[in-house]
Amino acid sequence: MDWLALIIAGVFEWGWPVGLKLGWTSEGARYGWIAFAILCMVASGACLLYAQRTIPMGTAYAVWTGIGAVGTFVIGVLIFAEPASLARWFFAGLIVVGIAGLKFS
């Protein structure tokens, strides 16, 4: 259950960069998106807090940030048309390998 909470925490990590990106435009602040970002931050932190009851802090933090980083990278490529070079995919893949290594070691 704690690993599930950690995965959910990582998924909530995707929400706050998206909310912040969409929360400010040339017309000014978009408060709904900013509120979404804050909600994702709180939910992510709460799930991480729960997961760290049994998962070592260093492992939990690395997995949490890794899920957040890779997920945000993929969202950036697929939704925001950010660069998707082979090198960027390779290094995102290395993060996934690191996450799996922490889980299974």
N, C-alpha and C. Protein backbone atom coordinates (compact mmCIF):
# COMPACT_ATOMS: atom_id res chain seq x y z
N MET A 1 0.82 -1.20 0.00
CA MET A 1 0.00 0.00 0.00
C MET A 1 0.86 1.27 0.00
N ASP A 2 2.00 1.21 0.71
CA ASP A 2 2.87 2.38 0.74
C ASP A 2 3.51 2.66 -0.62
N TRP A 3 3.83 1.58 -1.37
CA TRP A 3 4.37 1.79 -2.71
C TRP A 3 3.32 2.37 -3.64
N LEU A 4 2.08 1.97 -3.48
CA LEU A 4 1.00 2.55 -4.27
C LEU A 4 0.85 4.04 -3.96
N ALA A 5 0.92 4.37 -2.68
CA ALA A 5 0.84 5.79 -2.27
C ALA A 5 2.00 6.57 -2.88
N LEU A 6 3.17 5.96 -2.95
CA LEU A 6 4.34 6.63 -3.52
C LEU A 6 4.15 6.86 -5.02
N ILE A 7 3.61 5.89 -5.70
CA ILE A 7 3.34 6.05 -7.14
C ILE A 7 2.30 7.15 -7.36
N ILE A 8 1.26 7.16 -6.54
CA ILE A 8 0.24 8.21 -6.65
C ILE A 8 0.86 9.58 -6.36
N ALA A 9 1.74 9.65 -5.38
CA ALA A 9 2.44 10.91 -5.08
C ALA A 9 3.22 11.37 -6.30
N GLY A 10 3.90 10.44 -6.97
CA GLY A 10 4.65 10.79 -8.17
C GLY A 10 3.76 11.28 -9.29
N VAL A 11 2.59 10.69 -9.43
CA VAL A 11 1.65 11.13 -10.47
C VAL A 11 1.14 12.53 -10.16
N PHE A 12 0.86 12.81 -8.89
CA PHE A 12 0.45 14.18 -8.53
C PHE A 12 1.56 15.18 -8.81
N GLU A 13 2.80 14.73 -8.82
CA GLU A 13 3.91 15.61 -9.16
C GLU A 13 3.80 16.14 -10.59
N TRP A 14 3.12 15.41 -11.44
CA TRP A 14 2.94 15.88 -12.81
C TRP A 14 2.04 17.10 -12.87
N GLY A 15 1.10 17.19 -11.94
CA GLY A 15 0.08 18.22 -12.00
C GLY A 15 0.57 19.61 -11.72
N TRP A 16 1.51 19.73 -10.78
CA TRP A 16 1.85 21.11 -10.44
C TRP A 16 2.68 21.82 -11.49
N PRO A 17 3.62 21.19 -12.21
CA PRO A 17 4.28 21.94 -13.28
C PRO A 17 3.32 22.30 -14.41
N VAL A 18 2.38 21.39 -14.70
CA VAL A 18 1.38 21.68 -15.73
C VAL A 18 0.51 22.86 -15.28
N GLY A 19 0.05 22.82 -14.03
CA GLY A 19 -0.76 23.91 -13.52
C GLY A 19 -0.04 25.24 -13.53
N LEU A 20 1.25 25.22 -13.18
CA LEU A 20 2.01 26.47 -13.20
C LEU A 20 2.25 26.96 -14.62
N LYS A 21 2.51 26.03 -15.55
CA LYS A 21 2.73 26.43 -16.94
C LYS A 21 1.47 27.07 -17.52
N LEU A 22 0.32 26.47 -17.22
CA LEU A 22 -0.94 26.99 -17.75
C LEU A 22 -1.51 28.11 -16.90
N GLY A 23 -0.94 28.32 -15.72
CA GLY A 23 -1.48 29.31 -14.79
C GLY A 23 -1.05 30.74 -15.06
N TRP A 24 -0.12 30.92 -15.99
CA TRP A 24 0.31 32.28 -16.31
C TRP A 24 0.41 32.42 -17.81
N THR A 25 -0.31 33.36 -18.36
CA THR A 25 -0.28 33.60 -19.80
C THR A 25 0.02 35.08 -20.03
N SER A 26 0.09 35.45 -21.28
CA SER A 26 0.33 36.86 -21.61
C SER A 26 -0.82 37.75 -21.12
N GLU A 27 -1.99 37.16 -20.90
CA GLU A 27 -3.13 37.92 -20.38
C GLU A 27 -3.10 38.02 -18.86
N GLY A 28 -2.22 37.27 -18.21
CA GLY A 28 -2.12 37.32 -16.75
C GLY A 28 -2.38 35.97 -16.12
N ALA A 29 -2.66 36.02 -14.82
CA ALA A 29 -2.84 34.79 -14.05
C ALA A 29 -4.16 34.11 -14.38
N ARG A 30 -4.11 32.78 -14.38
CA ARG A 30 -5.31 31.95 -14.54
C ARG A 30 -5.43 31.16 -13.24
N TYR A 31 -6.25 31.67 -12.34
CA TYR A 31 -6.27 31.18 -10.96
C TYR A 31 -6.74 29.74 -10.82
N GLY A 32 -7.56 29.26 -11.73
CA GLY A 32 -7.98 27.87 -11.68
C GLY A 32 -6.79 26.93 -11.84
N TRP A 33 -5.92 27.23 -12.78
CA TRP A 33 -4.73 26.40 -13.00
C TRP A 33 -3.74 26.53 -11.84
N ILE A 34 -3.63 27.72 -11.28
CA ILE A 34 -2.73 27.89 -10.12
C ILE A 34 -3.27 27.11 -8.94
N ALA A 35 -4.57 27.13 -8.74
CA ALA A 35 -5.18 26.34 -7.66
C ALA A 35 -4.97 24.85 -7.91
N PHE A 36 -5.08 24.43 -9.15
CA PHE A 36 -4.82 23.03 -9.51
C PHE A 36 -3.39 22.65 -9.14
N ALA A 37 -2.43 23.52 -9.44
CA ALA A 37 -1.03 23.26 -9.10
C ALA A 37 -0.85 23.10 -7.59
N ILE A 38 -1.46 23.99 -6.83
CA ILE A 38 -1.34 23.93 -5.37
C ILE A 38 -1.99 22.66 -4.82
N LEU A 39 -3.14 22.30 -5.35
CA LEU A 39 -3.81 21.07 -4.93
C LEU A 39 -2.92 19.85 -5.21
N CYS A 40 -2.29 19.82 -6.37
CA CYS A 40 -1.40 18.70 -6.71
C CYS A 40 -0.19 18.66 -5.78
N MET A 41 0.36 19.83 -5.44
CA MET A 41 1.49 19.87 -4.51
C MET A 41 1.11 19.27 -3.15
N VAL A 42 -0.04 19.69 -2.64
CA VAL A 42 -0.49 19.20 -1.33
C VAL A 42 -0.77 17.70 -1.38
N ALA A 43 -1.46 17.24 -2.41
CA ALA A 43 -1.78 15.82 -2.53
C ALA A 43 -0.51 14.99 -2.68
N SER A 44 0.42 15.48 -3.45
CA SER A 44 1.68 14.77 -3.65
C SER A 44 2.45 14.65 -2.34
N GLY A 45 2.54 15.75 -1.62
CA GLY A 45 3.23 15.73 -0.34
C GLY A 45 2.57 14.83 0.68
N ALA A 46 1.24 14.82 0.70
CA ALA A 46 0.51 13.97 1.64
C ALA A 46 0.74 12.50 1.33
N CYS A 47 0.71 12.14 0.06
CA CYS A 47 0.96 10.74 -0.31
C CYS A 47 2.41 10.34 -0.01
N LEU A 48 3.35 11.25 -0.24
CA LEU A 48 4.75 10.96 0.10
C LEU A 48 4.90 10.77 1.60
N LEU A 49 4.26 11.60 2.39
CA LEU A 49 4.29 11.48 3.84
C LEU A 49 3.80 10.10 4.27
N TYR A 50 2.71 9.66 3.68
CA TYR A 50 2.15 8.34 4.00
C TYR A 50 3.11 7.22 3.60
N ALA A 51 3.69 7.34 2.41
CA ALA A 51 4.57 6.29 1.90
C ALA A 51 5.84 6.13 2.73
N GLN A 52 6.32 7.23 3.28
CA GLN A 52 7.57 7.18 4.03
C GLN A 52 7.44 6.52 5.40
N ARG A 53 6.26 6.07 5.73
CA ARG A 53 6.10 5.33 6.99
C ARG A 53 6.93 4.06 6.97
N THR A 54 6.99 3.40 5.80
CA THR A 54 7.73 2.14 5.71
C THR A 54 8.83 2.15 4.66
N ILE A 55 8.75 3.03 3.69
CA ILE A 55 9.78 3.10 2.64
C ILE A 55 10.87 4.05 3.12
N PRO A 56 12.14 3.65 3.02
CA PRO A 56 13.22 4.54 3.45
C PRO A 56 13.14 5.91 2.75
N MET A 57 13.44 6.96 3.50
CA MET A 57 13.29 8.32 3.01
C MET A 57 14.04 8.56 1.70
N GLY A 58 15.28 8.14 1.61
CA GLY A 58 16.07 8.36 0.40
C GLY A 58 15.48 7.65 -0.81
N THR A 59 15.03 6.44 -0.60
CA THR A 59 14.39 5.68 -1.69
C THR A 59 13.08 6.35 -2.10
N ALA A 60 12.26 6.70 -1.13
CA ALA A 60 10.96 7.32 -1.43
C ALA A 60 11.15 8.63 -2.18
N TYR A 61 12.09 9.44 -1.73
CA TYR A 61 12.31 10.74 -2.38
C TYR A 61 12.81 10.56 -3.80
N ALA A 62 13.74 9.64 -4.01
CA ALA A 62 14.29 9.42 -5.35
C ALA A 62 13.21 8.89 -6.30
N VAL A 63 12.41 7.95 -5.83
CA VAL A 63 11.35 7.40 -6.68
C VAL A 63 10.30 8.48 -6.97
N TRP A 64 9.92 9.24 -5.95
CA TRP A 64 8.92 10.30 -6.09
C TRP A 64 9.36 11.33 -7.13
N THR A 65 10.59 11.81 -6.99
CA THR A 65 11.07 12.81 -7.95
C THR A 65 11.28 12.21 -9.33
N GLY A 66 11.69 10.94 -9.38
CA GLY A 66 11.89 10.29 -10.67
C GLY A 66 10.59 10.14 -11.43
N ILE A 67 9.55 9.67 -10.75
CA ILE A 67 8.24 9.55 -11.39
C ILE A 67 7.77 10.92 -11.86
N GLY A 68 7.96 11.92 -11.01
CA GLY A 68 7.56 13.28 -11.38
C GLY A 68 8.34 13.81 -12.57
N ALA A 69 9.64 13.58 -12.58
CA ALA A 69 10.48 14.10 -13.67
C ALA A 69 10.17 13.42 -15.00
N VAL A 70 10.09 12.11 -15.00
CA VAL A 70 9.83 11.39 -16.25
C VAL A 70 8.41 11.68 -16.74
N GLY A 71 7.44 11.68 -15.85
CA GLY A 71 6.07 11.98 -16.25
C GLY A 71 5.92 13.37 -16.81
N THR A 72 6.57 14.33 -16.17
CA THR A 72 6.51 15.71 -16.64
C THR A 72 7.20 15.85 -18.00
N PHE A 73 8.30 15.13 -18.17
CA PHE A 73 9.00 15.13 -19.47
C PHE A 73 8.06 14.61 -20.56
N VAL A 74 7.41 13.48 -20.32
CA VAL A 74 6.52 12.88 -21.32
C VAL A 74 5.35 13.82 -21.61
N ILE A 75 4.75 14.41 -20.59
CA ILE A 75 3.66 15.37 -20.80
C ILE A 75 4.14 16.55 -21.64
N GLY A 76 5.34 17.03 -21.33
CA GLY A 76 5.89 18.15 -22.10
C GLY A 76 6.04 17.81 -23.57
N VAL A 77 6.51 16.60 -23.85
CA VAL A 77 6.70 16.18 -25.24
C VAL A 77 5.35 15.97 -25.93
N LEU A 78 4.45 15.25 -25.27
CA LEU A 78 3.18 14.88 -25.92
C LEU A 78 2.16 16.01 -25.99
N ILE A 79 2.11 16.85 -24.97
CA ILE A 79 1.06 17.87 -24.92
C ILE A 79 1.57 19.26 -25.31
N PHE A 80 2.79 19.58 -24.90
CA PHE A 80 3.31 20.93 -25.13
C PHE A 80 4.33 21.00 -26.26
N ALA A 81 4.47 19.91 -27.01
CA ALA A 81 5.35 19.87 -28.18
C ALA A 81 6.79 20.28 -27.86
N GLU A 82 7.27 19.85 -26.70
CA GLU A 82 8.66 20.13 -26.34
C GLU A 82 9.58 19.18 -27.11
N PRO A 83 10.86 19.51 -27.21
CA PRO A 83 11.79 18.67 -27.99
C PRO A 83 11.80 17.22 -27.51
N ALA A 84 11.87 16.29 -28.46
CA ALA A 84 11.84 14.87 -28.14
C ALA A 84 12.99 14.14 -28.83
N SER A 85 14.19 14.62 -28.62
CA SER A 85 15.34 13.98 -29.25
C SER A 85 15.59 12.60 -28.65
N LEU A 86 16.31 11.79 -29.39
CA LEU A 86 16.65 10.46 -28.92
C LEU A 86 17.44 10.53 -27.61
N ALA A 87 18.31 11.49 -27.50
CA ALA A 87 19.11 11.64 -26.27
C ALA A 87 18.21 11.94 -25.07
N ARG A 88 17.23 12.80 -25.24
CA ARG A 88 16.33 13.11 -24.12
C ARG A 88 15.54 11.88 -23.69
N TRP A 89 15.06 11.09 -24.65
CA TRP A 89 14.35 9.86 -24.31
C TRP A 89 15.28 8.87 -23.63
N PHE A 90 16.51 8.78 -24.09
CA PHE A 90 17.47 7.86 -23.49
C PHE A 90 17.70 8.21 -22.02
N PHE A 91 17.93 9.47 -21.74
CA PHE A 91 18.22 9.86 -20.36
C PHE A 91 16.98 9.77 -19.47
N ALA A 92 15.80 10.00 -20.02
CA ALA A 92 14.58 9.75 -19.25
C ALA A 92 14.46 8.26 -18.94
N GLY A 93 14.85 7.42 -19.88
CA GLY A 93 14.86 5.98 -19.66
C GLY A 93 15.82 5.58 -18.55
N LEU A 94 16.94 6.25 -18.46
CA LEU A 94 17.88 5.97 -17.38
C LEU A 94 17.26 6.27 -16.01
N ILE A 95 16.45 7.32 -15.95
CA ILE A 95 15.76 7.63 -14.69
C ILE A 95 14.81 6.48 -14.34
N VAL A 96 14.10 5.96 -15.33
CA VAL A 96 13.18 4.84 -15.09
C VAL A 96 13.95 3.62 -14.58
N VAL A 97 15.11 3.35 -15.17
CA VAL A 97 15.94 2.23 -14.72
C VAL A 97 16.36 2.45 -13.27
N GLY A 98 16.71 3.67 -12.92
CA GLY A 98 17.08 3.98 -11.55
C GLY A 98 15.92 3.78 -10.57
N ILE A 99 14.75 4.19 -10.96
CA ILE A 99 13.56 4.00 -10.12
C ILE A 99 13.32 2.51 -9.89
N ALA A 100 13.38 1.73 -10.97
CA ALA A 100 13.16 0.28 -10.83
C ALA A 100 14.24 -0.34 -9.95
N GLY A 101 15.47 0.11 -10.12
CA GLY A 101 16.56 -0.40 -9.29
C GLY A 101 16.35 -0.13 -7.81
N LEU A 102 15.87 1.05 -7.49
CA LEU A 102 15.59 1.38 -6.09
C LEU A 102 14.45 0.53 -5.54
N LYS A 103 13.45 0.29 -6.36
CA LYS A 103 12.30 -0.51 -5.92
C LYS A 103 12.72 -1.95 -5.62
N PHE A 104 13.56 -2.51 -6.46
CA PHE A 104 13.87 -3.93 -6.33
C PHE A 104 15.14 -4.23 -5.54
N SER A 105 15.81 -3.22 -5.05
CA SER A 105 17.03 -3.50 -4.26
C SER A 105 16.81 -3.23 -2.79
